[in-house]
Protein backbone atom coordinates (compact mmCIF):
# COMPACT_ATOMS: atom_id res chain seq x y z
CA MET A 1 0.03 -0.07 -0.02
CA ALA A 2 2.87 2.35 0.80
CA VAL A 3 4.50 1.69 -2.56
CA ALA A 4 1.23 2.30 -4.31
CA ALA A 5 0.67 5.53 -2.48
CA ALA A 6 4.17 6.78 -3.31
CA LEU A 7 3.70 5.88 -6.96
CA SER A 8 0.36 7.61 -6.98
CA THR A 9 1.82 10.79 -5.39
CA ALA A 10 4.72 10.74 -7.92
CA LEU A 11 2.32 10.24 -10.91
CA SER A 12 0.08 13.08 -9.53
CA ALA A 13 3.08 15.44 -9.18
CA THR A 14 4.29 14.58 -12.71
CA ALA A 15 0.75 15.29 -14.16
CA ARG A 16 0.52 18.46 -12.13
CA ALA A 17 3.92 19.65 -13.53
CA GLN A 18 2.80 18.90 -17.07
CA SER A 19 -0.41 20.82 -16.69
CA ASP A 20 1.34 23.83 -15.21
CA TYR A 21 3.96 23.85 -17.93
CA PRO A 22 6.06 25.95 -18.23
CA THR A 23 7.15 26.69 -14.70
CA ARG A 24 10.76 27.71 -15.58
CA PRO A 25 12.75 29.08 -18.60
CA VAL A 26 12.67 27.15 -21.81
CA SER A 27 15.65 26.68 -24.08
CA LEU A 28 15.29 26.96 -27.90
CA ILE A 29 18.27 25.56 -29.70
CA VAL A 30 19.03 27.13 -33.01
CA PRO A 31 21.52 25.43 -35.34
CA TYR A 32 22.89 28.69 -36.72
CA ALA A 33 24.99 31.57 -35.38
CA PRO A 34 23.30 34.69 -34.07
CA GLY A 35 22.16 37.28 -36.52
CA GLY A 36 20.98 35.32 -39.49
CA VAL A 37 17.35 35.40 -40.68
CA ALA A 38 16.49 32.08 -39.11
CA ASP A 39 17.97 33.11 -35.83
CA VAL A 40 16.11 36.42 -35.88
CA GLY A 41 12.88 34.55 -36.70
CA MET A 42 13.39 32.26 -33.67
CA ARG A 43 14.06 35.23 -31.40
CA MET A 44 10.83 36.81 -32.61
CA LEU A 45 8.98 33.56 -31.70
CA GLY A 46 10.73 33.27 -28.35
CA GLU A 47 9.72 36.89 -27.38
CA LYS A 48 6.15 36.07 -28.25
CA LEU A 49 5.99 32.80 -26.48
CA SER A 50 7.66 34.31 -23.44
CA ASN A 51 4.77 36.77 -23.22
CA ARG A 52 2.14 34.19 -24.03
CA LEU A 53 3.27 31.48 -21.60
CA LYS A 54 4.82 33.75 -18.85
CA GLN A 55 8.18 32.13 -18.81
CA GLN A 56 11.39 33.14 -20.68
CA PHE A 57 12.17 31.29 -23.94
CA VAL A 58 16.01 31.42 -24.28
CA ILE A 59 17.75 31.17 -27.69
CA GLU A 60 20.76 28.84 -27.52
CA ASN A 61 22.81 29.08 -30.67
CA ARG A 62 24.62 25.81 -31.57
CA PRO A 63 26.09 26.10 -35.09
CA GLY A 64 28.34 23.79 -36.72
CA ALA A 65 28.52 20.37 -38.42
CA GLY A 66 25.55 21.12 -40.64
CA GLY A 67 23.16 21.12 -37.74
CA VAL A 68 24.32 17.91 -36.29
CA ILE A 69 25.61 19.46 -33.09
CA ALA A 70 22.32 21.20 -32.38
CA ALA A 71 20.24 18.05 -33.30
CA GLN A 72 22.36 15.86 -31.02
CA ALA A 73 21.73 18.23 -28.11
CA GLY A 74 17.97 18.30 -28.91
CA ALA A 75 17.68 14.61 -29.18
CA SER A 76 19.56 13.87 -25.94
CA ALA A 77 17.76 16.53 -23.91
CA VAL A 78 15.30 15.53 -21.08
CA ALA A 79 11.95 15.08 -22.74
CA ASP A 80 10.02 17.51 -20.59
CA GLY A 81 9.37 20.40 -22.92
CA TYR A 82 12.18 22.63 -21.52
CA THR A 83 14.49 22.01 -24.50
CA LEU A 84 13.12 22.84 -27.98
CA LEU A 85 14.98 22.45 -31.33
CA MET A 86 14.58 24.59 -34.46
CA THR A 87 14.17 22.00 -37.30
CA GLY A 88 13.26 22.30 -40.93
CA ASN A 89 14.10 21.38 -44.47
CA ASN A 90 17.88 21.59 -43.67
CA TYR A 91 17.38 18.56 -41.61
CA ALA A 92 15.29 16.85 -44.23
CA ILE A 93 18.17 17.43 -46.64
CA ALA A 94 20.67 15.97 -44.02
CA GLU A 95 18.59 12.90 -43.60
CA ALA A 96 18.88 12.31 -47.41
CA LEU A 97 22.49 13.56 -47.83
CA PHE A 98 24.37 11.69 -45.03
CA ASN A 99 24.97 7.98 -44.85
CA LYS A 100 24.58 8.01 -41.15
CA LEU A 101 23.56 10.50 -38.55
CA PRO A 102 23.58 10.20 -34.68
CA TYR A 103 19.85 10.87 -34.56
CA ASN A 104 16.74 10.09 -36.78
CA MET A 105 14.59 13.18 -37.45
CA LEU A 106 11.40 11.01 -37.76
CA THR A 107 11.76 8.87 -34.75
CA ASP A 108 13.80 10.84 -32.22
CA PHE A 109 11.74 13.98 -32.42
CA ALA A 110 8.11 15.10 -32.11
CA SER A 111 6.89 18.03 -34.27
CA ILE A 112 5.18 21.00 -32.63
CA SER A 113 4.57 23.39 -35.57
CA THR A 114 6.02 25.05 -38.63
CA VAL A 115 7.12 28.67 -38.08
CA SER A 116 8.67 30.37 -41.08
CA PHE A 117 8.87 29.75 -44.71
CA TYR A 118 11.46 31.28 -47.20
CA ASP A 119 10.99 31.16 -50.90
CA LEU A 120 14.13 31.43 -53.01
CA LEU A 121 14.64 33.85 -55.86
CA ILE A 122 16.25 33.39 -59.25
CA VAL A 123 18.33 36.41 -59.86
CA THR A 124 20.55 37.91 -62.61
CA ARG A 125 22.27 41.25 -63.44
CA PRO A 126 20.02 44.08 -64.69
CA GLU A 127 21.79 44.10 -68.11
CA SER A 128 21.15 40.36 -68.70
CA PRO A 129 19.15 39.41 -71.78
CA LEU A 130 17.27 36.98 -69.47
CA LYS A 131 14.15 38.80 -68.26
CA SER A 132 12.02 35.87 -67.02
CA ALA A 133 12.08 32.17 -66.14
CA GLN A 134 10.86 31.46 -69.61
CA ASP A 135 13.87 33.24 -71.10
CA PHE A 136 16.11 31.22 -68.82
CA VAL A 137 14.69 27.95 -69.96
CA ALA A 138 14.71 28.99 -73.57
CA ALA A 139 18.30 29.96 -73.42
CA ALA A 140 19.28 26.70 -71.74
CA LYS A 141 17.46 24.64 -74.43
CA ALA A 142 19.07 26.68 -77.21
CA ASN A 143 22.54 26.30 -75.64
CA PRO A 144 22.65 23.07 -73.72
CA GLY A 145 25.02 23.02 -71.00
CA LYS A 146 26.37 26.57 -71.64
CA ILE A 147 24.19 28.54 -69.20
CA ASN A 148 25.88 28.86 -65.78
CA ILE A 149 23.85 28.84 -62.57
CA GLY A 150 25.36 30.07 -59.30
CA THR A 151 24.46 28.52 -55.94
CA ILE A 152 26.11 28.16 -52.60
CA ASN A 153 27.69 24.84 -51.54
CA PRO A 154 26.53 21.45 -52.90
CA GLY A 155 23.79 20.05 -50.73
CA SER A 156 22.31 23.44 -49.74
CA THR A 157 18.73 24.28 -50.35
CA GLN A 158 19.87 26.78 -53.09
CA ASN A 159 22.07 24.16 -54.73
CA LEU A 160 19.31 21.49 -54.74
CA ALA A 161 16.70 23.98 -55.81
CA ALA A 162 18.81 24.54 -58.96
CA GLU A 163 19.19 20.82 -59.58
CA LEU A 164 15.49 20.38 -59.22
CA PHE A 165 14.84 23.26 -61.65
CA LEU A 166 17.02 21.58 -64.33
CA SER A 167 15.18 18.24 -63.99
CA THR A 168 11.71 19.83 -63.87
CA ALA A 169 12.35 22.04 -66.84
CA ASN A 170 14.16 19.29 -68.69
CA ILE A 171 17.18 21.45 -69.53
CA LYS A 172 20.93 21.20 -69.16
CA ALA A 173 22.99 23.84 -67.57
CA ALA A 174 26.22 24.05 -65.51
CA ILE A 175 25.76 24.60 -61.72
CA VAL A 176 28.63 26.48 -60.24
CA PRO A 177 28.90 26.25 -56.42
CA PHE A 178 30.31 29.09 -54.28
CA ARG A 179 31.51 29.16 -50.77
CA THR A 180 29.50 32.12 -49.70
CA SER A 181 26.51 34.17 -51.03
CA PRO A 182 28.59 37.36 -51.59
CA ASP A 183 30.99 35.35 -53.80
CA MET A 184 28.08 33.97 -55.77
CA VAL A 185 26.34 37.38 -56.10
CA GLY A 186 29.61 39.01 -57.14
CA ALA A 187 29.89 36.42 -59.95
CA VAL A 188 26.36 37.26 -61.10
CA MET A 189 27.23 41.00 -61.24
CA ARG A 190 30.38 40.33 -63.20
CA ASP A 191 28.50 38.10 -65.65
CA ASP A 192 30.57 35.12 -64.58
CA VAL A 193 27.37 33.19 -64.07
CA ASP A 194 24.05 33.87 -65.84
CA VAL A 195 21.67 33.43 -62.93
CA ALA A 196 21.76 32.39 -59.21
CA PHE A 197 19.41 30.89 -56.68
CA GLU A 198 19.31 32.64 -53.27
CA VAL A 199 17.07 33.56 -50.43
CA TYR A 200 15.74 37.11 -50.20
CA ALA A 201 17.39 38.01 -46.88
CA ALA A 202 20.84 37.42 -48.29
CA ILE A 203 20.40 39.73 -51.29
CA SER A 204 17.69 42.23 -50.22
CA GLY A 205 20.01 45.20 -50.24
CA LEU A 206 21.40 44.47 -53.76
CA LEU A 207 17.79 44.03 -55.09
CA ALA A 208 16.78 47.32 -53.48
CA ASP A 209 19.82 49.01 -55.12
CA LYS A 210 18.97 47.37 -58.42
CA LYS A 211 22.48 45.85 -58.64
CA ILE A 212 20.64 42.55 -59.39
CA VAL A 213 17.11 41.75 -60.41
CA ALA A 214 14.81 38.90 -59.62
CA LEU A 215 13.44 36.82 -62.55
CA ALA A 216 11.18 34.51 -60.49
CA SER A 217 10.39 33.21 -57.03
CA THR A 218 10.26 29.51 -56.23
CA GLY A 219 7.29 29.18 -53.93
CA PRO A 220 3.76 28.13 -54.65
CA LYS A 221 2.50 31.76 -54.87
CA ARG A 222 4.05 35.21 -55.23
CA THR A 223 5.88 36.52 -52.15
CA VAL A 224 4.47 39.31 -49.99
CA TYR A 225 7.72 41.15 -50.15
CA LEU A 226 8.21 41.09 -53.96
CA PRO A 227 4.67 40.83 -55.24
CA ASP A 228 5.50 41.86 -58.76
CA VAL A 229 7.93 38.94 -59.17
CA PRO A 230 6.19 35.94 -60.85
CA THR A 231 6.62 32.46 -59.61
CA VAL A 232 8.52 29.70 -61.53
CA ILE A 233 5.19 27.99 -61.96
CA GLU A 234 3.78 31.12 -63.60
CA GLY A 235 6.68 30.99 -65.91
CA GLY A 236 5.54 27.69 -67.29
CA ILE A 237 7.60 25.23 -65.28
CA LYS A 238 4.79 23.15 -63.89
CA GLY A 239 5.30 21.21 -60.67
CA TYR A 240 8.33 23.30 -59.48
CA GLU A 241 8.05 24.49 -55.92
CA VAL A 242 10.82 25.08 -53.43
CA SER A 243 10.34 26.75 -50.00
CA SER A 244 12.93 26.65 -47.23
CA TRP A 245 11.20 26.40 -43.92
CA ASN A 246 11.79 26.15 -40.12
CA GLY A 247 9.72 24.59 -37.33
CA ILE A 248 9.91 23.60 -33.71
CA SER A 249 10.55 20.04 -32.54
CA VAL A 250 11.04 18.43 -29.19
CA PRO A 251 12.40 14.99 -27.99
CA ALA A 252 9.98 12.26 -29.13
CA ALA A 253 9.00 11.24 -25.55
CA THR A 254 7.86 14.83 -24.64
CA PRO A 255 4.39 14.41 -22.95
CA LYS A 256 1.43 15.10 -25.24
CA THR A 257 0.08 17.80 -22.89
CA VAL A 258 3.27 19.72 -23.25
CA VAL A 259 3.26 19.36 -26.98
CA ALA A 260 -0.43 20.62 -27.08
CA THR A 261 0.39 23.68 -24.83
CA LEU A 262 3.30 24.71 -27.03
CA GLY A 263 1.25 24.14 -30.24
CA ALA A 264 -1.63 26.10 -28.87
CA ALA A 265 0.65 28.98 -27.89
CA MET A 266 2.28 28.94 -31.27
CA LYS A 267 -1.07 29.06 -32.99
CA ASP A 268 -1.95 32.11 -31.02
CA VAL A 269 1.21 34.07 -31.63
CA ILE A 270 2.50 33.24 -35.15
CA PRO A 271 -0.51 34.92 -37.02
CA SER A 272 -0.03 38.15 -35.04
CA PRO A 273 0.09 41.17 -37.35
CA ASP A 274 3.32 42.53 -35.98
CA MET A 275 5.09 39.14 -36.26
CA GLN A 276 3.82 38.82 -39.84
CA SER A 277 4.98 42.34 -40.73
CA ARG A 278 8.45 41.99 -39.20
CA ALA A 279 8.91 38.62 -40.86
CA ALA A 280 7.92 39.94 -44.41
CA GLN A 281 10.59 42.62 -44.16
CA MET A 282 13.23 39.80 -43.85
CA GLY A 283 11.70 37.74 -46.67
CA MET A 284 9.89 35.30 -44.31
CA GLU A 285 6.30 34.13 -44.18
CA MET A 286 5.24 32.94 -40.71
CA ARG A 287 2.78 30.03 -40.79
CA TRP A 288 1.45 27.84 -38.01
CA GLY A 289 0.73 24.15 -38.71
CA THR A 290 -0.33 21.14 -36.75
CA PRO A 291 2.22 18.55 -35.57
CA ASP A 292 0.84 16.14 -38.23
CA ASP A 293 1.25 18.83 -40.89
CA MET A 294 4.82 19.39 -39.97
CA THR A 295 5.77 15.74 -39.78
CA ALA A 296 4.19 15.10 -43.21
CA ARG A 297 6.18 17.89 -44.66
CA MET A 298 9.45 16.62 -43.09
CA LYS A 299 8.68 13.14 -44.51
CA SER A 300 7.89 14.60 -47.95
CA ASP A 301 11.04 16.75 -48.04
CA ILE A 302 13.22 13.79 -47.05
CA ALA A 303 11.90 11.85 -50.06
CA LYS A 304 11.94 14.93 -52.37
CA TRP A 305 15.45 15.88 -51.72
CA GLY A 306 16.69 12.27 -51.53
CA ALA A 307 15.50 11.92 -55.19
CA VAL A 308 17.13 15.24 -56.25
CA ILE A 309 20.49 14.22 -54.54
CA GLU A 310 20.38 10.75 -56.29
CA ALA A 311 19.53 12.19 -59.70
CA ALA A 312 22.17 14.86 -59.44
CA GLY A 313 24.79 12.28 -58.41
CA ILE A 314 25.79 14.27 -55.31
CA PRO A 315 27.84 11.87 -53.23
CA LYS A 316 26.48 10.83 -49.74
CA GLN A 317 28.49 12.19 -46.82
CA ASN A 318 29.79 10.15 -43.88
């Protein structure tokens, strides 16, 4: 009877702790250095969640190793809801790109919600004869293999978006990887490459100064920050869609009550007008989704990018 009473007391205390969640500060691990657009988006979310749930949400930056360091920390954390991990399509790509990882994104984590989405832009120099996605495709078909596309490093979303463009449009062109976005954009402006794929945040100043121009955006609809730029789909390349995205995950064994509390809070704060406005200025669209929505997107992206990586012949990493 004493053992049963003790067990009952312990279970009651655990249930009470879950229902009172959060009762202390929460860590949100971000797999990037401070200052980038993803980091800023998570800080915006953390500020809103702190106000909504009356506890501080502390950003913990853990860059390095392609997100592996951050994911390991998230997967090994106590499953009590006090350690969150920013995940997204970068982790879907990693699942497809690496032969072996010290975690499994689909079994070691539980999804809470998507947070932010970033469409890519196809850009060129203002003097380029290419004025649209249709021009790009036509030039590549007229000169197979002679059009050059700039991206950042192989296996990045930008690089794989270019690979997917080639296969979807059924064209041949040379993809030229650069170490950094400034290196790549410099090559565009010098006419060393014909076009480049990049996110808005990395090139917004150059676009505003008209040093480069956008031919198309890669999302399912026109962006709120460049509404005059047509999508690739509008350019006649049917079935092409690429959106980089981020979301929030927790260790898989996190109690469902905690997952529900976090999800409900995010559903409340993500649509707020000031968050949407601030995000749009940085080329982000903030969108809430159910845990099932986010998990389905992660599964779909793992399969999607795995097929692109295989078709492009990008070697798997150890």
